[in-house]
Amino acid sequence: MTTRRETIAILAGSVAAAAAKAPVIDTHIHLFEPDKFPYHASATYQPPAEPLEKYLQFAPMAGVDHAIIVHPEPYQDDHRYLEHCFAQERPRGLFKGTCLFDPIDPATPARMAEIAKRHPGRIVALRIHATDNPGDAPTRSGAIKNRDLKDAAMKKTSAAAAKLGMAVQMHFAPHHAAEVSSLAAEFKDLSVILDHMGRFGQGGPAALDYVLRIASASPRVYFKFSGWSYSSKQPAPHRDMEPVLRKTVGAFGAQRILWGGLGHSVEDHREAKAVFDAALGWLPAGDQAMIRGGNAKKLFRF
């Protein structure tokens, strides 16, 4: 007969084995190659190149099984480089990606459907930027950002995303937390991803609480542990993030936390691992494995 201690040891071994087999999925990388794919005329910034070929060499060295290419603002709604990355990836199936369209443009639902049809199962989210300052008027034209999250067209776009099986990936300032929560609550079939921990460090003392309340709007809201420098007041490995992540696990559970921003070099990856270990090393191995890749594998259907 198996003793209680032996049973615990067997279960611990099973968890460790599952953790060892769990994929590592970086849910937030940006790739740029402006010499071959020039930035959009409405680019909000012009970063140095982070080319595909460099990443393809880095990923296997770092043990990255899959990555989400978060289509970046410098390319706006020109997705040619994202499509180039899909075509040239090694191995096949390494990448999935997000798209960027104007969420209040009536043409956006059809444009989302068209790119999803060209790349079946590859476009996993529409990214929406709402990073303006409190009191700023929403934009209606120009660079695709800071549109009115309460606009009726925003709801039509959210409904279209849900129908297409895409998430809405919200890159937002914490004063927009209530609006993000309302969208998540209204569209129960829509997964909502909170980029960069809701940038809570750029809000007031209660900003983290505002962001964490979104967890209760829908069981399909996910918190992305990335963009640490937006909120940490300490240098890497950002040890002040541990109490934040303890509160986050209490609000979301380990099953609704994603991990992103592992970088593009071995040095970047080493730093990212140190940040993860400092903030989440207290979790059981199985929960850590879910956050490192298990949750992303399920959400993004790798």
Protein backbone atom coordinates (compact mmCIF):
# COMPACT_ATOMS: atom_id res chain seq x y z
CA MET A 1 0.00 0.00 0.00
CA THR A 2 1.35 3.42 -0.93
CA THR A 3 2.04 5.65 2.03
CA ARG A 4 1.04 9.31 2.15
CA ARG A 5 4.69 10.36 1.86
CA GLU A 6 5.18 8.15 -1.18
CA THR A 7 2.01 9.54 -2.77
CA ILE A 8 3.24 13.11 -2.26
CA ALA A 9 6.59 12.15 -3.77
CA ILE A 10 4.88 10.60 -6.79
CA LEU A 11 2.71 13.68 -7.31
CA ALA A 12 5.71 15.97 -6.93
CA GLY A 13 7.56 13.92 -9.52
CA SER A 14 4.61 14.15 -11.91
CA VAL A 15 4.47 17.94 -11.53
CA ALA A 16 8.21 18.22 -12.10
CA ALA A 17 7.96 16.01 -15.20
CA ALA A 18 5.08 18.09 -16.56
CA ALA A 19 7.05 21.28 -15.91
CA ALA A 20 10.07 19.85 -17.72
CA LYS A 21 7.92 19.06 -20.79
CA ALA A 22 6.02 22.34 -20.82
CA PRO A 23 6.91 24.64 -23.72
CA VAL A 24 8.62 27.99 -23.32
CA ILE A 25 6.57 30.55 -25.23
CA ASP A 26 7.53 34.20 -25.45
CA THR A 27 4.23 36.01 -25.80
CA HIS A 28 5.76 39.37 -26.68
CA ILE A 29 8.48 39.96 -29.25
CA HIS A 30 8.87 42.78 -31.77
CA LEU A 31 10.84 42.26 -34.97
CA PHE A 32 11.95 45.08 -37.28
CA GLU A 33 13.93 45.24 -40.51
CA PRO A 34 13.53 48.79 -41.82
CA ASP A 35 16.17 48.45 -44.57
CA LYS A 36 14.02 45.85 -46.33
CA PHE A 37 10.62 46.78 -44.91
CA PRO A 38 10.49 50.56 -44.31
CA TYR A 39 8.51 51.95 -41.43
CA HIS A 40 5.06 53.39 -42.01
CA ALA A 41 4.68 57.11 -42.64
CA SER A 42 2.66 57.33 -39.41
CA ALA A 43 5.17 55.36 -37.33
CA THR A 44 5.08 56.47 -33.71
CA TYR A 45 8.78 55.70 -33.25
CA GLN A 46 11.63 54.32 -35.36
CA PRO A 47 13.59 51.69 -33.46
CA PRO A 48 16.84 50.05 -34.53
CA ALA A 49 16.58 46.80 -36.45
CA GLU A 50 15.75 43.54 -34.68
CA PRO A 51 15.76 41.27 -37.72
CA LEU A 52 14.16 37.90 -38.17
CA GLU A 53 17.38 36.04 -38.95
CA LYS A 54 18.98 37.12 -35.68
CA TYR A 55 15.93 35.88 -33.77
CA LEU A 56 15.92 32.54 -35.58
CA GLN A 57 19.47 31.98 -34.35
CA PHE A 58 18.64 33.09 -30.82
CA ALA A 59 15.41 31.14 -30.18
CA PRO A 60 16.85 27.59 -30.16
CA MET A 61 19.85 28.70 -28.07
CA ALA A 62 17.48 30.14 -25.48
CA GLY A 63 15.13 27.16 -25.56
CA VAL A 64 12.20 29.19 -26.90
CA ASP A 65 9.67 26.81 -28.46
CA HIS A 66 7.27 29.41 -29.86
CA ALA A 67 6.82 33.17 -29.92
CA ILE A 68 4.08 35.70 -30.55
CA ILE A 69 5.23 38.45 -32.88
CA VAL A 70 3.40 41.49 -31.54
CA HIS A 71 3.05 43.53 -34.72
CA PRO A 72 4.61 46.86 -33.73
CA GLU A 73 3.49 50.45 -34.10
CA PRO A 74 6.30 51.47 -36.49
CA TYR A 75 4.63 49.32 -39.16
CA GLN A 76 1.08 50.48 -38.30
CA ASP A 77 -1.42 48.50 -40.45
CA ASP A 78 1.23 47.35 -42.95
CA HIS A 79 1.68 43.65 -42.05
CA ARG A 80 4.15 42.69 -44.78
CA TYR A 81 7.02 42.09 -42.38
CA LEU A 82 4.87 39.94 -40.11
CA GLU A 83 3.88 37.89 -43.16
CA HIS A 84 7.53 37.68 -44.19
CA CYS A 85 8.36 36.26 -40.75
CA PHE A 86 5.65 33.61 -41.13
CA ALA A 87 7.03 32.63 -44.54
CA GLN A 88 10.69 32.46 -43.46
CA GLU A 89 10.38 30.99 -39.93
CA ARG A 90 12.45 28.01 -38.83
CA PRO A 91 11.08 25.57 -37.75
CA ARG A 92 7.60 25.74 -39.22
CA GLY A 93 5.06 26.77 -36.63
CA LEU A 94 7.51 28.81 -34.57
CA PHE A 95 5.45 32.00 -34.74
CA LYS A 96 1.97 33.36 -34.40
CA GLY A 97 1.23 37.07 -34.42
CA THR A 98 -1.03 39.97 -33.62
CA CYS A 99 -2.44 42.49 -36.06
CA LEU A 100 -2.88 46.25 -35.83
CA PHE A 101 -5.85 47.98 -37.41
CA ASP A 102 -7.81 51.09 -36.46
CA PRO A 103 -10.43 49.72 -34.04
CA ILE A 104 -13.00 52.41 -34.88
CA ASP A 105 -12.64 52.15 -38.67
CA PRO A 106 -15.76 50.48 -40.14
CA ALA A 107 -13.48 48.57 -42.54
CA THR A 108 -11.51 46.91 -39.74
CA PRO A 109 -13.67 43.80 -39.19
CA ALA A 110 -13.36 42.90 -42.87
CA ARG A 111 -9.61 43.59 -42.87
CA MET A 112 -9.16 41.37 -39.82
CA ALA A 113 -11.10 38.58 -41.52
CA GLU A 114 -9.00 38.92 -44.66
CA ILE A 115 -5.62 38.62 -42.92
CA ALA A 116 -6.92 35.75 -40.81
CA LYS A 117 -8.02 33.95 -43.98
CA ARG A 118 -4.57 34.43 -45.54
CA HIS A 119 -2.89 32.97 -42.45
CA PRO A 120 -5.24 30.43 -40.88
CA GLY A 121 -4.67 30.01 -37.17
CA ARG A 122 -1.79 32.48 -37.14
CA ILE A 123 -3.35 35.84 -36.22
CA VAL A 124 -4.19 35.46 -32.55
CA ALA A 125 -5.11 38.99 -31.46
CA LEU A 126 -5.87 42.56 -32.45
CA ARG A 127 -3.66 44.91 -30.46
CA ILE A 128 -5.25 48.15 -29.28
CA HIS A 129 -3.21 51.05 -27.89
CA ALA A 130 -4.74 53.37 -25.29
CA THR A 131 -1.75 54.99 -23.60
CA ASP A 132 -2.75 58.65 -23.57
CA ASN A 133 -2.75 60.84 -20.49
CA PRO A 134 -5.86 61.30 -18.33
CA GLY A 135 -8.02 64.07 -19.77
CA ASP A 136 -6.66 63.81 -23.31
CA ALA A 137 -9.30 63.73 -26.03
CA PRO A 138 -9.47 60.45 -27.98
CA THR A 139 -7.98 60.47 -31.46
CA ARG A 140 -9.99 59.66 -34.56
CA SER A 141 -7.25 59.73 -37.19
CA GLY A 142 -3.49 59.66 -37.55
CA ALA A 143 -1.39 56.99 -35.84
CA ILE A 144 -3.49 54.02 -34.74
CA LYS A 145 -3.68 54.66 -31.01
CA ASN A 146 -5.72 56.35 -28.29
CA ARG A 147 -9.09 55.81 -29.94
CA ASP A 148 -12.22 56.04 -27.79
CA LEU A 149 -12.69 52.66 -26.06
CA LYS A 150 -16.38 53.49 -25.61
CA ASP A 151 -16.97 54.13 -29.31
CA ALA A 152 -19.72 51.98 -30.86
CA ALA A 153 -17.30 50.93 -33.61
CA MET A 154 -14.91 49.63 -30.93
CA LYS A 155 -17.63 47.23 -29.85
CA LYS A 156 -18.22 46.05 -33.41
CA THR A 157 -14.51 45.39 -33.80
CA SER A 158 -14.42 43.50 -30.49
CA ALA A 159 -17.35 41.36 -31.59
CA ALA A 160 -15.59 40.66 -34.89
CA ALA A 161 -12.44 39.61 -33.06
CA ALA A 162 -14.39 37.19 -30.90
CA LYS A 163 -16.10 35.71 -33.97
CA LEU A 164 -12.73 35.20 -35.66
CA GLY A 165 -11.29 33.51 -32.57
CA MET A 166 -8.90 36.42 -31.95
CA ALA A 167 -8.20 38.03 -28.62
CA VAL A 168 -8.07 41.76 -28.02
CA GLN A 169 -4.64 42.67 -26.69
CA MET A 170 -4.92 45.88 -24.70
CA HIS A 171 -1.84 48.06 -24.33
CA PHE A 172 -3.29 50.65 -21.99
CA ALA A 173 -2.61 53.20 -19.31
CA PRO A 174 -4.23 52.27 -15.98
CA HIS A 175 -6.79 55.09 -16.11
CA HIS A 176 -8.47 53.09 -18.91
CA ALA A 177 -8.93 50.02 -16.70
CA ALA A 178 -12.67 50.52 -16.21
CA GLU A 179 -13.26 50.79 -19.97
CA VAL A 180 -11.20 47.66 -20.63
CA SER A 181 -13.19 45.87 -17.94
CA SER A 182 -16.48 46.91 -19.56
CA LEU A 183 -15.41 45.51 -22.95
CA ALA A 184 -14.34 42.23 -21.36
CA ALA A 185 -17.61 41.94 -19.46
CA GLU A 186 -19.77 42.67 -22.51
CA PHE A 187 -18.14 40.16 -24.87
CA LYS A 188 -18.02 36.88 -22.99
CA ASP A 189 -16.55 34.99 -25.98
CA LEU A 190 -13.67 37.45 -26.26
CA SER A 191 -10.28 36.80 -24.69
CA VAL A 192 -8.67 40.02 -23.43
CA ILE A 193 -4.92 40.25 -22.79
CA LEU A 194 -3.60 42.98 -20.49
CA ASP A 195 -0.24 43.96 -21.95
CA HIS A 196 2.71 44.94 -19.78
CA MET A 197 0.83 44.45 -16.49
CA GLY A 198 -1.47 47.34 -17.42
CA ARG A 199 1.51 49.70 -16.98
CA PHE A 200 0.29 50.13 -13.41
CA GLY A 201 3.52 51.87 -12.41
CA GLN A 202 2.53 54.84 -14.55
CA GLY A 203 -0.64 55.42 -12.58
CA GLY A 204 -1.40 56.51 -9.03
CA PRO A 205 -1.10 54.45 -5.83
CA ALA A 206 -4.30 52.53 -6.62
CA ALA A 207 -3.42 51.78 -10.25
CA LEU A 208 -2.49 48.15 -9.67
CA ASP A 209 -5.82 47.56 -7.92
CA TYR A 210 -7.66 49.10 -10.89
CA VAL A 211 -5.87 46.74 -13.26
CA LEU A 212 -6.41 43.66 -11.10
CA ARG A 213 -10.15 44.33 -10.85
CA ILE A 214 -10.41 43.56 -14.56
CA ALA A 215 -9.86 39.89 -13.60
CA SER A 216 -13.42 39.67 -12.34
CA ALA A 217 -14.95 41.04 -15.57
CA SER A 218 -14.51 37.75 -17.41
CA PRO A 219 -12.71 34.43 -16.93
CA ARG A 220 -11.14 35.10 -20.34
CA VAL A 221 -9.03 38.07 -19.19
CA TYR A 222 -5.28 37.34 -19.08
CA PHE A 223 -2.54 39.33 -17.32
CA LYS A 224 0.76 39.52 -19.20
CA PHE A 225 3.90 39.61 -17.09
CA SER A 226 6.02 41.78 -19.41
CA GLY A 227 7.16 45.36 -19.80
CA TRP A 228 8.66 45.29 -16.31
CA SER A 229 10.43 48.62 -16.69
CA TYR A 230 7.11 50.44 -17.07
CA SER A 231 6.21 49.66 -13.47
CA SER A 232 9.26 48.51 -11.50
CA LYS A 233 11.13 51.08 -9.46
CA GLN A 234 14.19 48.84 -9.22
CA PRO A 235 16.75 47.63 -11.77
CA ALA A 236 16.71 44.06 -13.07
CA PRO A 237 15.84 41.55 -11.75
CA HIS A 238 13.10 43.94 -10.49
CA ARG A 239 12.63 42.30 -7.11
CA ASP A 240 9.82 44.72 -6.29
CA MET A 241 7.68 42.75 -8.75
CA GLU A 242 7.33 39.76 -6.40
CA PRO A 243 4.61 41.32 -4.19
CA VAL A 244 2.88 42.54 -7.35
CA LEU A 245 2.80 39.03 -8.79
CA ARG A 246 1.59 37.58 -5.50
CA LYS A 247 -1.41 39.91 -5.67
CA THR A 248 -1.86 39.11 -9.36
CA VAL A 249 -1.93 35.37 -8.79
CA GLY A 250 -4.52 35.98 -6.10
CA ALA A 251 -6.70 37.89 -8.57
CA PHE A 252 -6.18 35.90 -11.78
CA GLY A 253 -4.83 32.53 -10.68
CA ALA A 254 -1.71 31.10 -12.28
CA GLN A 255 -3.85 29.83 -15.19
CA ARG A 256 -4.46 33.36 -16.52
CA ILE A 257 -0.94 34.79 -16.46
CA LEU A 258 1.29 34.96 -19.55
CA TRP A 259 5.00 35.65 -19.82
CA GLY A 260 6.62 37.82 -22.47
CA GLY A 261 9.67 39.86 -23.30
CA LEU A 262 12.43 37.27 -23.24
CA GLY A 263 14.48 39.42 -25.58
CA HIS A 264 16.55 38.81 -28.68
CA SER A 265 19.91 37.78 -27.24
CA VAL A 266 21.30 35.35 -24.70
CA GLU A 267 21.97 38.29 -22.37
CA ASP A 268 18.37 39.48 -22.69
CA HIS A 269 17.10 35.98 -22.02
CA ARG A 270 19.32 35.56 -18.97
CA GLU A 271 17.95 38.81 -17.54
CA ALA A 272 14.36 37.80 -18.31
CA LYS A 273 14.84 34.48 -16.54
CA ALA A 274 16.26 36.28 -13.51
CA VAL A 275 13.23 38.58 -13.44
CA PHE A 276 10.87 35.59 -13.67
CA ASP A 277 12.66 33.71 -10.92
CA ALA A 278 12.70 36.75 -8.63
CA ALA A 279 9.01 37.50 -9.13
CA LEU A 280 7.52 34.01 -9.51
CA GLY A 281 10.07 31.61 -8.06
CA TRP A 282 7.86 31.10 -5.00
CA LEU A 283 5.17 29.39 -7.09
CA PRO A 284 4.93 25.59 -7.42
CA ALA A 285 6.79 24.18 -10.42
CA GLY A 286 3.56 23.30 -12.22
CA ASP A 287 2.24 26.87 -11.94
CA GLN A 288 5.56 28.28 -13.16
CA ALA A 289 5.41 25.96 -16.15
CA MET A 290 1.92 27.19 -17.04
CA ILE A 291 3.09 30.80 -16.95
CA ARG A 292 6.27 30.08 -18.93
CA GLY A 293 4.30 28.54 -21.76
CA GLY A 294 1.46 26.22 -20.82
CA ASN A 295 -1.16 28.97 -20.65
CA ALA A 296 0.01 30.50 -23.95
CA LYS A 297 -0.03 27.10 -25.63
CA LYS A 298 -3.70 26.71 -24.73
CA LEU A 299 -4.78 30.30 -25.38
CA PHE A 300 -3.01 30.66 -28.72
CA ARG A 301 -3.57 27.03 -29.79
CA PHE A 302 0.02 26.04 -30.52
